[in-house]
PDB file of N, CA and C in Angstrom:
ATOM      1  N   MET A   1      11.185  21.493  -4.631  1.00  0.00           N
ATOM      2  CA  MET A   1      12.299  20.638  -4.299  1.00  0.00           C
ATOM      3  C   MET A   1      13.024  21.129  -3.041  1.00  0.00           C
ATOM      4  N   ALA A   2      13.079  22.414  -2.817  1.00  0.00           N
ATOM      5  CA  ALA A   2      13.790  22.940  -1.649  1.00  0.00           C
ATOM      6  C   ALA A   2      13.149  22.447  -0.352  1.00  0.00           C
ATOM      7  N   ARG A   3      11.825  22.411  -0.302  1.00  0.00           N
ATOM      8  CA  ARG A   3      11.156  21.940   0.913  1.00  0.00           C
ATOM      9  C   ARG A   3      11.496  20.472   1.173  1.00  0.00           C
ATOM     10  N   ARG A   4      11.474  19.636   0.145  1.00  0.00           N
ATOM     11  CA  ARG A   4      11.788  18.214   0.295  1.00  0.00           C
ATOM     12  C   ARG A   4      13.229  18.060   0.803  1.00  0.00           C
ATOM     13  N   ASP A   5      14.159  18.805   0.232  1.00  0.00           N
ATOM     14  CA  ASP A   5      15.544  18.718   0.659  1.00  0.00           C
ATOM     15  C   ASP A   5      15.686  19.110   2.124  1.00  0.00           C
ATOM     16  N   ARG A   6      14.973  20.128   2.559  1.00  0.00           N
ATOM     17  CA  ARG A   6      15.038  20.555   3.953  1.00  0.00           C
ATOM     18  C   ARG A   6      14.517  19.452   4.870  1.00  0.00           C
ATOM     19  N   LEU A   7      13.428  18.817   4.490  1.00  0.00           N
ATOM     20  CA  LEU A   7      12.871  17.736   5.299  1.00  0.00           C
ATOM     21  C   LEU A   7      13.835  16.555   5.394  1.00  0.00           C
ATOM     22  N   ILE A   8      14.493  16.235   4.310  1.00  0.00           N
ATOM     23  CA  ILE A   8      15.456  15.133   4.328  1.00  0.00           C
ATOM     24  C   ILE A   8      16.661  15.506   5.192  1.00  0.00           C
ATOM     25  N   ARG A   9      17.152  16.730   5.067  1.00  0.00           N
ATOM     26  CA  ARG A   9      18.278  17.168   5.910  1.00  0.00           C
ATOM     27  C   ARG A   9      17.927  17.048   7.386  1.00  0.00           C
ATOM     28  N   GLU A  10      16.705  17.415   7.746  1.00  0.00           N
ATOM     29  CA  GLU A  10      16.274  17.317   9.146  1.00  0.00           C
ATOM     30  C   GLU A  10      16.155  15.868   9.604  1.00  0.00           C
ATOM     31  N   ALA A  11      16.000  14.940   8.668  1.00  0.00           N
ATOM     32  CA  ALA A  11      15.859  13.521   9.013  1.00  0.00           C
ATOM     33  C   ALA A  11      17.201  12.799   9.095  1.00  0.00           C
ATOM     34  N   GLU A  12      18.294  13.468   8.716  1.00  0.00           N
ATOM     35  CA  GLU A  12      19.599  12.825   8.809  1.00  0.00           C
ATOM     36  C   GLU A  12      19.892  12.487  10.267  1.00  0.00           C
ATOM     37  N   ARG A  13      20.531  11.345  10.458  1.00  0.00           N
ATOM     38  CA  ARG A  13      20.900  10.818  11.781  1.00  0.00           C
ATOM     39  C   ARG A  13      19.690  10.332  12.567  1.00  0.00           C
ATOM     40  N   VAL A  14      18.606  10.059  11.857  1.00  0.00           N
ATOM     41  CA  VAL A  14      17.393   9.507  12.459  1.00  0.00           C
ATOM     42  C   VAL A  14      17.266   8.058  11.982  1.00  0.00           C
ATOM     43  N   ARG A  15      16.799   7.178  12.878  1.00  0.00           N
ATOM     44  CA  ARG A  15      16.612   5.761  12.534  1.00  0.00           C
ATOM     45  C   ARG A  15      15.246   5.576  11.881  1.00  0.00           C
ATOM     46  N   PHE A  16      15.242   4.787  10.789  1.00  0.00           N
ATOM     47  CA  PHE A  16      14.024   4.523  10.039  1.00  0.00           C
ATOM     48  C   PHE A  16      13.864   3.034   9.774  1.00  0.00           C
ATOM     49  N   LEU A  17      12.619   2.624   9.672  1.00  0.00           N
ATOM     50  CA  LEU A  17      12.259   1.328   9.108  1.00  0.00           C
ATOM     51  C   LEU A  17      11.821   1.630   7.678  1.00  0.00           C
ATOM     52  N   VAL A  18      12.548   1.077   6.717  1.00  0.00           N
ATOM     53  CA  VAL A  18      12.304   1.372   5.302  1.00  0.00           C
ATOM     54  C   VAL A  18      11.734   0.128   4.632  1.00  0.00           C
ATOM     55  N   THR A  19      10.610   0.283   3.959  1.00  0.00           N
ATOM     56  CA  THR A  19      10.021  -0.803   3.183  1.00  0.00           C
ATOM     57  C   THR A  19      10.179  -0.472   1.707  1.00  0.00           C
ATOM     58  N   MET A  20      10.723  -1.433   0.975  1.00  0.00           N
ATOM     59  CA  MET A  20      10.969  -1.251  -0.446  1.00  0.00           C
ATOM     60  C   MET A  20       9.747  -1.702  -1.255  1.00  0.00           C
ATOM     61  N   ALA A  21       9.729  -1.371  -2.523  1.00  0.00           N
ATOM     62  CA  ALA A  21       8.616  -1.723  -3.408  1.00  0.00           C
ATOM     63  C   ALA A  21       8.386  -3.223  -3.481  1.00  0.00           C
ATOM     64  N   ASP A  22       9.453  -4.019  -3.318  1.00  0.00           N
ATOM     65  CA  ASP A  22       9.315  -5.476  -3.362  1.00  0.00           C
ATOM     66  C   ASP A  22       9.111  -6.092  -1.981  1.00  0.00           C
ATOM     67  N   GLU A  23       8.759  -5.246  -1.005  1.00  0.00           N
ATOM     68  CA  GLU A  23       8.459  -5.639   0.374  1.00  0.00           C
ATOM     69  C   GLU A  23       9.688  -6.000   1.210  1.00  0.00           C
ATOM     70  N   GLU A  24      10.912  -5.828   0.678  1.00  0.00           N
ATOM     71  CA  GLU A  24      12.089  -5.960   1.522  1.00  0.00           C
ATOM     72  C   GLU A  24      12.025  -4.862   2.569  1.00  0.00           C
ATOM     73  N   ALA A  25      12.558  -5.123   3.768  1.00  0.00           N
ATOM     74  CA  ALA A  25      12.535  -4.118   4.824  1.00  0.00           C
ATOM     75  C   ALA A  25      13.917  -4.007   5.465  1.00  0.00           C
ATOM     76  N   PHE A  26      14.258  -2.775   5.824  1.00  0.00           N
ATOM     77  CA  PHE A  26      15.544  -2.488   6.440  1.00  0.00           C
ATOM     78  C   PHE A  26      15.342  -1.502   7.583  1.00  0.00           C
ATOM     79  N   ASP A  27      16.146  -1.664   8.630  1.00  0.00           N
ATOM     80  CA  ASP A  27      16.149  -0.757   9.777  1.00  0.00           C
ATOM     81  C   ASP A  27      17.540  -0.148   9.834  1.00  0.00           C
ATOM     82  N   GLY A  28      17.628   1.183   9.774  1.00  0.00           N
ATOM     83  CA  GLY A  28      18.938   1.815   9.811  1.00  0.00           C
ATOM     84  C   GLY A  28      18.837   3.313  10.014  1.00  0.00           C
ATOM     85  N   VAL A  29      20.007   3.930  10.159  1.00  0.00           N
ATOM     86  CA  VAL A  29      20.110   5.364  10.393  1.00  0.00           C
ATOM     87  C   VAL A  29      20.436   6.057   9.075  1.00  0.00           C
ATOM     88  N   LEU A  30      19.628   7.041   8.718  1.00  0.00           N
ATOM     89  CA  LEU A  30      19.873   7.820   7.500  1.00  0.00           C
ATOM     90  C   LEU A  30      21.107   8.694   7.729  1.00  0.00           C
ATOM     91  N   VAL A  31      22.185   8.431   6.975  1.00  0.00           N
ATOM     92  CA  VAL A  31      23.416   9.184   7.176  1.00  0.00           C
ATOM     93  C   VAL A  31      23.751  10.106   6.017  1.00  0.00           C
ATOM     94  N   ASP A  32      23.198   9.843   4.849  1.00  0.00           N
ATOM     95  CA  ASP A  32      23.471  10.690   3.691  1.00  0.00           C
ATOM     96  C   ASP A  32      22.431  10.394   2.621  1.00  0.00           C
ATOM     97  N   TRP A  33      22.393  11.218   1.603  1.00  0.00           N
ATOM     98  CA  TRP A  33      21.433  11.044   0.529  1.00  0.00           C
ATOM     99  C   TRP A  33      21.875  11.868  -0.659  1.00  0.00           C
ATOM    100  N   ASP A  34      21.362  11.496  -1.812  1.00  0.00           N
ATOM    101  CA  ASP A  34      21.516  12.298  -3.016  1.00  0.00           C
ATOM    102  C   ASP A  34      20.218  12.163  -3.805  1.00  0.00           C
ATOM    103  N   GLU A  35      20.201  12.671  -5.013  1.00  0.00           N
ATOM    104  CA  GLU A  35      18.961  12.644  -5.797  1.00  0.00           C
ATOM    105  C   GLU A  35      18.451  11.236  -6.061  1.00  0.00           C
ATOM    106  N   GLY A  36      19.343  10.248  -6.099  1.00  0.00           N
ATOM    107  CA  GLY A  36      18.930   8.898  -6.465  1.00  0.00           C
ATOM    108  C   GLY A  36      18.919   7.876  -5.347  1.00  0.00           C
ATOM    109  N   HIS A  37      19.516   8.206  -4.191  1.00  0.00           N
ATOM    110  CA  HIS A  37      19.682   7.203  -3.145  1.00  0.00           C
ATOM    111  C   HIS A  37      19.531   7.790  -1.749  1.00  0.00           C
ATOM    112  N   PHE A  38      19.119   6.943  -0.814  1.00  0.00           N
ATOM    113  CA  PHE A  38      19.249   7.202   0.620  1.00  0.00           C
ATOM    114  C   PHE A  38      20.316   6.236   1.108  1.00  0.00           C
ATOM    115  N   ILE A  39      21.186   6.691   1.982  1.00  0.00           N
ATOM    116  CA  ILE A  39      22.268   5.862   2.499  1.00  0.00           C
ATOM    117  C   ILE A  39      22.036   5.643   3.989  1.00  0.00           C
ATOM    118  N   LEU A  40      21.930   4.364   4.367  1.00  0.00           N
ATOM    119  CA  LEU A  40      21.685   3.992   5.760  1.00  0.00           C
ATOM    120  C   LEU A  40      22.927   3.350   6.357  1.00  0.00           C
ATOM    121  N   ALA A  41      23.188   3.644   7.630  1.00  0.00           N
ATOM    122  CA  ALA A  41      24.266   3.010   8.391  1.00  0.00           C
ATOM    123  C   ALA A  41      23.641   2.243   9.546  1.00  0.00           C
ATOM    124  N   ASP A  42      24.436   1.384  10.168  1.00  0.00           N
ATOM    125  CA  ASP A  42      23.963   0.545  11.274  1.00  0.00           C
ATOM    126  C   ASP A  42      22.661  -0.151  10.847  1.00  0.00           C
ATOM    127  N   VAL A  43      22.743  -0.866   9.731  1.00  0.00           N
ATOM    128  CA  VAL A  43      21.561  -1.403   9.052  1.00  0.00           C
ATOM    129  C   VAL A  43      21.341  -2.875   9.372  1.00  0.00           C
ATOM    130  N   SER A  44      20.076  -3.229   9.528  1.00  0.00           N
ATOM    131  CA  SER A  44      19.659  -4.625   9.618  1.00  0.00           C
ATOM    132  C   SER A  44      18.604  -4.877   8.557  1.00  0.00           C
ATOM    133  N   SER A  45      18.709  -6.035   7.929  1.00  0.00           N
ATOM    134  CA  SER A  45      17.670  -6.504   7.029  1.00  0.00           C
ATOM    135  C   SER A  45      16.628  -7.201   7.902  1.00  0.00           C
ATOM    136  N   ILE A  46      15.355  -6.964   7.633  1.00  0.00           N
ATOM    137  CA  ILE A  46      14.291  -7.537   8.447  1.00  0.00           C
ATOM    138  C   ILE A  46      13.459  -8.477   7.592  1.00  0.00           C
ATOM    139  N   ALA A  47      13.441  -9.745   7.963  1.00  0.00           N
ATOM    140  CA  ALA A  47      12.670 -10.751   7.231  1.00  0.00           C
ATOM    141  C   ALA A  47      11.191 -10.613   7.560  1.00  0.00           C
ATOM    142  N   SER A  48      10.349 -11.210   6.754  1.00  0.00           N
ATOM    143  CA  SER A  48       8.898 -11.128   6.962  1.00  0.00           C
ATOM    144  C   SER A  48       8.466 -11.749   8.288  1.00  0.00           C
ATOM    145  N   ASN A  49       9.266 -12.677   8.836  1.00  0.00           N
ATOM    146  CA  ASN A  49       8.931 -13.278  10.133  1.00  0.00           C
ATOM    147  C   ASN A  49       9.526 -12.493  11.302  1.00  0.00           C
ATOM    148  N   GLY A  50      10.207 -11.366  11.007  1.00  0.00           N
ATOM    149  CA  GLY A  50      10.767 -10.512  12.049  1.00  0.00           C
ATOM    150  C   GLY A  50      12.228 -10.764  12.362  1.00  0.00           C
ATOM    151  N   ASP A  51      12.816 -11.809  11.788  1.00  0.00           N
ATOM    152  CA  ASP A  51      14.240 -12.076  12.004  1.00  0.00           C
ATOM    153  C   ASP A  51      15.066 -10.931  11.431  1.00  0.00           C
ATOM    154  N   ARG A  52      16.154 -10.599  12.141  1.00  0.00           N
ATOM    155  CA  ARG A  52      17.043  -9.517  11.716  1.00  0.00           C
ATOM    156  C   ARG A  52      18.410 -10.061  11.357  1.00  0.00           C
ATOM    157  N   LEU A  53      19.007  -9.478  10.331  1.00  0.00           N
ATOM    158  CA  LEU A  53      20.367  -9.806   9.934  1.00  0.00           C
ATOM    159  C   LEU A  53      21.121  -8.489   9.811  1.00  0.00           C
ATOM    160  N   HIS A  54      22.090  -8.274  10.719  1.00  0.00           N
ATOM    161  CA  HIS A  54      22.858  -7.031  10.702  1.00  0.00           C
ATOM    162  C   HIS A  54      23.808  -7.029   9.507  1.00  0.00           C
ATOM    163  N   LEU A  55      23.841  -5.917   8.766  1.00  0.00           N
ATOM    164  CA  LEU A  55      24.722  -5.769   7.615  1.00  0.00           C
ATOM    165  C   LEU A  55      26.012  -5.079   8.045  1.00  0.00           C
ATOM    166  N   ASP A  56      27.125  -5.490   7.459  1.00  0.00           N
ATOM    167  CA  ASP A  56      28.430  -4.957   7.850  1.00  0.00           C
ATOM    168  C   ASP A  56      28.704  -3.560   7.313  1.00  0.00           C
ATOM    169  N   ASP A  57      28.142  -3.217   6.175  1.00  0.00           N
ATOM    170  CA  ASP A  57      28.433  -1.934   5.531  1.00  0.00           C
ATOM    171  C   ASP A  57      27.186  -1.070   5.432  1.00  0.00           C
ATOM    172  N   ASP A  58      27.413   0.173   5.022  1.00  0.00           N
ATOM    173  CA  ASP A  58      26.291   1.062   4.738  1.00  0.00           C
ATOM    174  C   ASP A  58      25.491   0.492   3.573  1.00  0.00           C
ATOM    175  N   LEU A  59      24.234   0.867   3.514  1.00  0.00           N
ATOM    176  CA  LEU A  59      23.342   0.378   2.466  1.00  0.00           C
ATOM    177  C   LEU A  59      22.824   1.557   1.656  1.00  0.00           C
ATOM    178  N   TRP A  60      22.998   1.482   0.340  1.00  0.00           N
ATOM    179  CA  TRP A  60      22.485   2.496  -0.583  1.00  0.00           C
ATOM    180  C   TRP A  60      21.151   2.001  -1.123  1.00  0.00           C
ATOM    181  N   LEU A  61      20.094   2.728  -0.839  1.00  0.00           N
ATOM    182  CA  LEU A  61      18.759   2.348  -1.301  1.00  0.00           C
ATOM    183  C   LEU A  61      18.314   3.299  -2.409  1.00  0.00           C
ATOM    184  N   PRO A  62      17.934   2.770  -3.578  1.00  0.00           N
ATOM    185  CA  PRO A  62      17.452   3.636  -4.659  1.00  0.00           C
ATOM    186  C   PRO A  62      16.123   4.294  -4.259  1.00  0.00           C
ATOM    187  N   ARG A  63      16.082   5.598  -4.305  1.00  0.00           N
ATOM    188  CA  ARG A  63      14.892   6.331  -3.865  1.00  0.00           C
ATOM    189  C   ARG A  63      13.621   5.918  -4.594  1.00  0.00           C
ATOM    190  N   PRO A  64      13.650   5.677  -5.909  1.00  0.00           N
ATOM    191  CA  PRO A  64      12.402   5.305  -6.591  1.00  0.00           C
ATOM    192  C   PRO A  64      11.829   3.961  -6.125  1.00  0.00           C
ATOM    193  N   ARG A  65      12.644   3.107  -5.520  1.00  0.00           N
ATOM    194  CA  ARG A  65      12.173   1.791  -5.072  1.00  0.00           C
ATOM    195  C   ARG A  65      11.642   1.813  -3.636  1.00  0.00           C
ATOM    196  N   ILE A  66      11.787   2.940  -2.930  1.00  0.00           N
ATOM    197  CA  ILE A  66      11.322   3.017  -1.547  1.00  0.00           C
ATOM    198  C   ILE A  66       9.808   3.213  -1.541  1.00  0.00           C
ATOM    199  N   LYS A  67       9.117   2.292  -0.869  1.00  0.00           N
ATOM    200  CA  LYS A  67       7.663   2.361  -0.764  1.00  0.00           C
ATOM    201  C   LYS A  67       7.266   3.343   0.341  1.00  0.00           C
ATOM    202  N   TYR A  68       7.869   3.165   1.533  1.00  0.00           N
ATOM    203  CA  TYR A  68       7.652   4.124   2.606  1.00  0.00           C
ATOM    204  C   TYR A  68       8.743   4.000   3.659  1.00  0.00           C
ATOM    205  N   MET A  69       8.867   5.064   4.458  1.00  0.00           N
ATOM    206  CA  MET A  69       9.837   5.113   5.551  1.00  0.00           C
ATOM    207  C   MET A  69       9.092   5.503   6.822  1.00  0.00           C
ATOM    208  N   GLN A  70       9.375   4.774   7.878  1.00  0.00           N
ATOM    209  CA  GLN A  70       8.738   5.049   9.163  1.00  0.00           C
ATOM    210  C   GLN A  70       9.821   5.351  10.184  1.00  0.00           C
ATOM    211  N   ARG A  71       9.720   6.485  10.845  1.00  0.00           N
ATOM    212  CA  ARG A  71      10.694   6.842  11.872  1.00  0.00           C
ATOM    213  C   ARG A  71      10.567   5.868  13.039  1.00  0.00           C
ATOM    214  N   VAL A  72      11.713   5.419  13.544  1.00  0.00           N
ATOM    215  CA  VAL A  72      11.738   4.484  14.663  1.00  0.00           C
ATOM    216  C   VAL A  72      12.091   5.267  15.911  1.00  0.00           C
ATOM    217  N   ARG A  73      11.232   5.230  16.875  1.00  0.00           N
ATOM    218  CA  ARG A  73      11.493   5.896  18.161  1.00  0.00           C
ATOM    219  C   ARG A  73      12.241   4.927  19.055  1.00  0.00           C
ATOM    220  N   GLY A  74      13.149   5.452  19.827  1.00  0.00           N
ATOM    221  CA  GLY A  74      13.860   4.531  20.700  1.00  0.00           C
ATOM    222  C   GLY A  74      14.877   5.116  21.547  1.00  0.00           C
TER     223      GLY A  74
END
């Protein structure tokens, strides 16, 4: 668990494209986390056709529902 925590700490303040188990997708900056959630700021929801909808607040994503996370370079 210590190695995983270190990797997550190093990923804080990094932008990710997150795909959920139900294929929902979000683009945002990882700002915090706990055992059950990743918290993203400056978040947009991404539709399957590529349309983006910017969210006003931070988004709490349940860790067990995250399918994968891809770092966004930019």
